Amino acid sequence: MGFQVEETDTIVSLIVDLPHKRLTTFMAFSYGHWSFPEQAHGNKRSVQDLERWRGLATREAGLPMKRHIIPEQATIDRIFEGQGDLEDIDNNDITL
């Protein structure tokens, strides 16, 4: 039995360990997203970009069950306070 995090068929997990200043990530990209990276760029809030991403996750883009897996770890050098210049996320967005 499988699952997908969202309709773009991309899985991203991020674990932040602030006391030990460590990040651990797990990412899985669909075959279409990994094979056509220039088409996978954009903004999820853009309807056109989101539709293009959904297309990359389809059988027509090639093997939706085949994934490129990237597990990574990193050390946090500095911890900042506040949002900075990040955009707000709408909690009503259907992909959250």
Foldseek 3Di string as FASTA:
>chain_A
DDDALFLLRKDKDWDADVVQQKIKMKIKHFPLCVVCVVLQDDDCVDPVSVVSSNVSCDCVSPDNVDIDMDIDMDGHPDDDDDDPPDDDDDPPPPSD
